[in-house]
Structures are given as C-alpha cells and as structure tokens.
Amino acid sequence: MTAVVSVQNRYNVADRSSEPMLDLCEQEMLVFLPWAPIEDTGAIPAVLAAARRHRVSERQVALAWLLTRSQQVLPIPGSGDPEHVEQNVAAASIDLWPDEIEAITRAMRGWSSPR
C-alpha cells in the first residue's frame, strides 16, 4: 500500500471546478497542488483592482489569493526566469484585504463559496 500525500488538480481564480477535492484535501490533511495556478487572472476585475491597490501583478494577486484559500494549498507556478521566481515568492508577502479576498472568491459568475 502507498500513502497519498498530495493531489494535483486544475484550480485557480477562474477555475474552481476542483473545489470539492480541495475541501477533501483539507479534511484529510493532504497537500493540494493547484495546476495552472495563475492562468486567466488578467480578465477578472476583482484581481485587477487588488493588483492596482497593492501595486503588484495580477499573477501575484492570484497566488496570494490561493494562499488565503487553505493551508493545504501549495501553488507551484511556472517560472521562465529569475525575475518571475522573485515575483512569485513575493506574492506570499501580499496581505490581501478581507474585502478583496471576498471579491476574488465571488468573482466567477454562478460560483459561491461553500464557506
């Protein structure tokens, strides 16, 4: 028998179809690796507004939001150069405001937070 320690599913600001799996990972204390964690972030008004407010990129806001979603989330964004790595690491230091988190969470039409 092999122990499962993590799950990797598509999950980002724009695609929450793996929300039930993330909830299960929280329950079972498994690491959840969101696949495509920064995809489709530039078209979401709540992400754009938070990026302007904090003077960071939309991608950084998307990563910061993922980190607020659950302690089980471990985003691993692709990085093509050292500057992207630095920006990705800096995203962990962004303190999104509660209203920003809520706006981003509710950004997708037809999706409502189970929390």
C-alpha atoms as a PDB file:
ATOM      1  CA  MET A   1       0.000   0.000   0.000  1.00  0.00           C
ATOM      2  CA  THR A   2       1.202   3.509  -0.831  1.00  0.00           C
ATOM      3  CA  ALA A   3       0.215   6.545   1.173  1.00  0.00           C
ATOM      4  CA  VAL A   4      -1.224   9.508  -0.709  1.00  0.00           C
ATOM      5  CA  VAL A   5       0.298  12.788   0.451  1.00  0.00           C
ATOM      6  CA  SER A   6      -0.821  15.234  -2.228  1.00  0.00           C
ATOM      7  CA  VAL A   7      -3.292  15.862  -5.012  1.00  0.00           C
ATOM      8  CA  GLN A   8      -2.689  17.975  -8.097  1.00  0.00           C
ATOM      9  CA  ASN A   9      -5.772  19.297  -9.879  1.00  0.00           C
ATOM     10  CA  ARG A  10      -6.548  22.308 -12.017  1.00  0.00           C
ATOM     11  CA  TYR A  11      -7.560  25.147  -9.701  1.00  0.00           C
ATOM     12  CA  ASN A  12      -7.182  28.897  -9.915  1.00  0.00           C
ATOM     13  CA  VAL A  13      -9.139  32.121  -9.569  1.00  0.00           C
ATOM     14  CA  ALA A  14     -11.024  31.432 -12.798  1.00  0.00           C
ATOM     15  CA  ASP A  15     -11.465  27.652 -12.500  1.00  0.00           C
ATOM     16  CA  ARG A  16     -12.835  26.332  -9.220  1.00  0.00           C
ATOM     17  CA  SER A  17     -14.094  23.001 -10.510  1.00  0.00           C
ATOM     18  CA  SER A  18     -11.754  21.198  -8.086  1.00  0.00           C
ATOM     19  CA  GLU A  19     -13.211  22.935  -5.038  1.00  0.00           C
ATOM     20  CA  PRO A  20     -14.669  19.665  -3.653  1.00  0.00           C
ATOM     21  CA  MET A  21     -11.266  17.971  -3.997  1.00  0.00           C
ATOM     22  CA  LEU A  22      -9.570  20.837  -2.187  1.00  0.00           C
ATOM     23  CA  ASP A  23     -12.127  20.510   0.611  1.00  0.00           C
ATOM     24  CA  LEU A  24     -11.343  16.789   0.850  1.00  0.00           C
ATOM     25  CA  CYS A  25      -7.604  17.548   0.981  1.00  0.00           C
ATOM     26  CA  GLU A  26      -8.263  19.894   3.889  1.00  0.00           C
ATOM     27  CA  GLN A  27     -10.254  17.210   5.676  1.00  0.00           C
ATOM     28  CA  GLU A  28      -7.605  14.535   5.095  1.00  0.00           C
ATOM     29  CA  MET A  29      -4.630  16.876   5.648  1.00  0.00           C
ATOM     30  CA  LEU A  30      -3.277  16.297   2.133  1.00  0.00           C
ATOM     31  CA  VAL A  31      -1.293  18.870   0.199  1.00  0.00           C
ATOM     32  CA  PHE A  32      -3.254  20.336  -2.708  1.00  0.00           C
ATOM     33  CA  LEU A  33      -1.103  21.417  -5.656  1.00  0.00           C
ATOM     34  CA  PRO A  34      -3.182  23.700  -7.881  1.00  0.00           C
ATOM     35  CA  TRP A  35      -2.375  23.093 -11.527  1.00  0.00           C
ATOM     36  CA  ALA A  36      -2.295  26.291 -13.662  1.00  0.00           C
ATOM     37  CA  PRO A  37      -2.493  28.492 -10.538  1.00  0.00           C
ATOM     38  CA  ILE A  38      -2.062  31.819 -12.350  1.00  0.00           C
ATOM     39  CA  GLU A  39      -3.942  31.133 -15.574  1.00  0.00           C
ATOM     40  CA  ASP A  40      -6.702  33.516 -16.730  1.00  0.00           C
ATOM     41  CA  THR A  41      -6.076  36.060 -13.958  1.00  0.00           C
ATOM     42  CA  GLY A  42      -5.942  39.212 -16.076  1.00  0.00           C
ATOM     43  CA  ALA A  43      -9.617  39.198 -17.058  1.00  0.00           C
ATOM     44  CA  ILE A  44     -11.100  39.239 -13.558  1.00  0.00           C
ATOM     45  CA  PRO A  45     -11.961  42.755 -12.332  1.00  0.00           C
ATOM     46  CA  ALA A  46     -11.520  41.896  -8.634  1.00  0.00           C
ATOM     47  CA  VAL A  47      -7.987  40.613  -9.323  1.00  0.00           C
ATOM     48  CA  LEU A  48      -7.132  43.690 -11.391  1.00  0.00           C
ATOM     49  CA  ALA A  49      -8.421  46.016  -8.678  1.00  0.00           C
ATOM     50  CA  ALA A  50      -6.403  44.275  -5.957  1.00  0.00           C
ATOM     51  CA  ALA A  51      -3.285  44.354  -8.143  1.00  0.00           C
ATOM     52  CA  ARG A  52      -3.650  48.114  -8.636  1.00  0.00           C
ATOM     53  CA  ARG A  53      -4.308  48.677  -4.939  1.00  0.00           C
ATOM     54  CA  HIS A  54      -1.217  46.723  -3.849  1.00  0.00           C
ATOM     55  CA  ARG A  55       0.918  47.790  -6.845  1.00  0.00           C
ATOM     56  CA  VAL A  56       1.693  44.195  -7.820  1.00  0.00           C
ATOM     57  CA  SER A  57       0.903  41.993 -10.807  1.00  0.00           C
ATOM     58  CA  GLU A  58      -2.359  40.146 -11.355  1.00  0.00           C
ATOM     59  CA  ARG A  59      -0.446  36.889 -11.124  1.00  0.00           C
ATOM     60  CA  GLN A  60       0.903  37.828  -7.724  1.00  0.00           C
ATOM     61  CA  VAL A  61      -2.625  38.586  -6.517  1.00  0.00           C
ATOM     62  CA  ALA A  62      -3.827  35.217  -7.827  1.00  0.00           C
ATOM     63  CA  LEU A  63      -1.070  33.434  -5.901  1.00  0.00           C
ATOM     64  CA  ALA A  64      -1.766  35.465  -2.760  1.00  0.00           C
ATOM     65  CA  TRP A  65      -5.465  34.576  -3.018  1.00  0.00           C
ATOM     66  CA  LEU A  66      -4.651  30.867  -3.385  1.00  0.00           C
ATOM     67  CA  LEU A  67      -2.568  31.042  -0.224  1.00  0.00           C
ATOM     68  CA  THR A  68      -5.529  32.514   1.673  1.00  0.00           C
ATOM     69  CA  ARG A  69      -7.848  29.750   0.456  1.00  0.00           C
ATOM     70  CA  SER A  70      -6.334  26.962   2.526  1.00  0.00           C
ATOM     71  CA  GLN A  71      -3.212  25.993   4.430  1.00  0.00           C
ATOM     72  CA  GLN A  72      -3.205  22.815   2.340  1.00  0.00           C
ATOM     73  CA  VAL A  73      -2.628  24.768  -0.895  1.00  0.00           C
ATOM     74  CA  LEU A  74       0.900  24.755  -2.284  1.00  0.00           C
ATOM     75  CA  PRO A  75       0.913  26.602  -5.613  1.00  0.00           C
ATOM     76  CA  ILE A  76       3.840  25.878  -7.896  1.00  0.00           C
ATOM     77  CA  PRO A  77       3.686  28.420 -10.719  1.00  0.00           C
ATOM     78  CA  GLY A  78       5.952  28.002 -13.698  1.00  0.00           C
ATOM     79  CA  SER A  79       8.816  30.464 -13.859  1.00  0.00           C
ATOM     80  CA  GLY A  80      10.733  31.230 -17.017  1.00  0.00           C
ATOM     81  CA  ASP A  81      13.370  33.458 -15.484  1.00  0.00           C
ATOM     82  CA  PRO A  82      14.755  34.651 -12.117  1.00  0.00           C
ATOM     83  CA  GLU A  83      12.525  37.754 -12.138  1.00  0.00           C
ATOM     84  CA  HIS A  84       9.408  35.588 -12.276  1.00  0.00           C
ATOM     85  CA  VAL A  85      10.712  33.477  -9.394  1.00  0.00           C
ATOM     86  CA  GLU A  86      11.223  36.630  -7.317  1.00  0.00           C
ATOM     87  CA  GLN A  87       7.716  37.874  -8.153  1.00  0.00           C
ATOM     88  CA  ASN A  88       6.191  34.501  -7.285  1.00  0.00           C
ATOM     89  CA  VAL A  89       7.982  34.378  -3.935  1.00  0.00           C
ATOM     90  CA  ALA A  90       6.962  37.981  -3.186  1.00  0.00           C
ATOM     91  CA  ALA A  91       3.306  37.018  -3.661  1.00  0.00           C
ATOM     92  CA  ALA A  92       3.438  35.193  -0.320  1.00  0.00           C
ATOM     93  CA  SER A  93       4.011  38.554   1.392  1.00  0.00           C
ATOM     94  CA  ILE A  94       0.948  40.254  -0.064  1.00  0.00           C
ATOM     95  CA  ASP A  95      -1.704  40.803   2.579  1.00  0.00           C
ATOM     96  CA  LEU A  96      -4.963  40.893   0.689  1.00  0.00           C
ATOM     97  CA  TRP A  97      -7.719  42.748   2.492  1.00  0.00           C
ATOM     98  CA  PRO A  98     -10.755  40.730   3.568  1.00  0.00           C
ATOM     99  CA  ASP A  99     -12.979  42.569   1.075  1.00  0.00           C
ATOM    100  CA  GLU A 100     -10.509  41.766  -1.721  1.00  0.00           C
ATOM    101  CA  ILE A 101     -10.446  38.094  -0.789  1.00  0.00           C
ATOM    102  CA  GLU A 102     -14.230  38.023  -0.784  1.00  0.00           C
ATOM    103  CA  ALA A 103     -14.473  39.855  -4.120  1.00  0.00           C
ATOM    104  CA  ILE A 104     -11.984  37.497  -5.765  1.00  0.00           C
ATOM    105  CA  THR A 105     -13.662  34.455  -4.233  1.00  0.00           C
ATOM    106  CA  ARG A 106     -17.042  35.530  -5.576  1.00  0.00           C
ATOM    107  CA  ALA A 107     -15.670  36.762  -8.920  1.00  0.00           C
ATOM    108  CA  MET A 108     -16.838  33.852 -11.028  1.00  0.00           C
ATOM    109  CA  ARG A 109     -20.491  34.051 -12.043  1.00  0.00           C
ATOM    110  CA  GLY A 110     -22.522  31.134 -10.774  1.00  0.00           C
ATOM    111  CA  TRP A 111     -19.942  30.160  -8.161  1.00  0.00           C
ATOM    112  CA  SER A 112     -20.458  30.795  -4.483  1.00  0.00           C
ATOM    113  CA  SER A 113     -18.119  29.976  -1.663  1.00  0.00           C
ATOM    114  CA  PRO A 114     -19.074  26.908   0.376  1.00  0.00           C
ATOM    115  CA  ARG A 115     -17.664  28.643   3.440  1.00  0.00           C
END
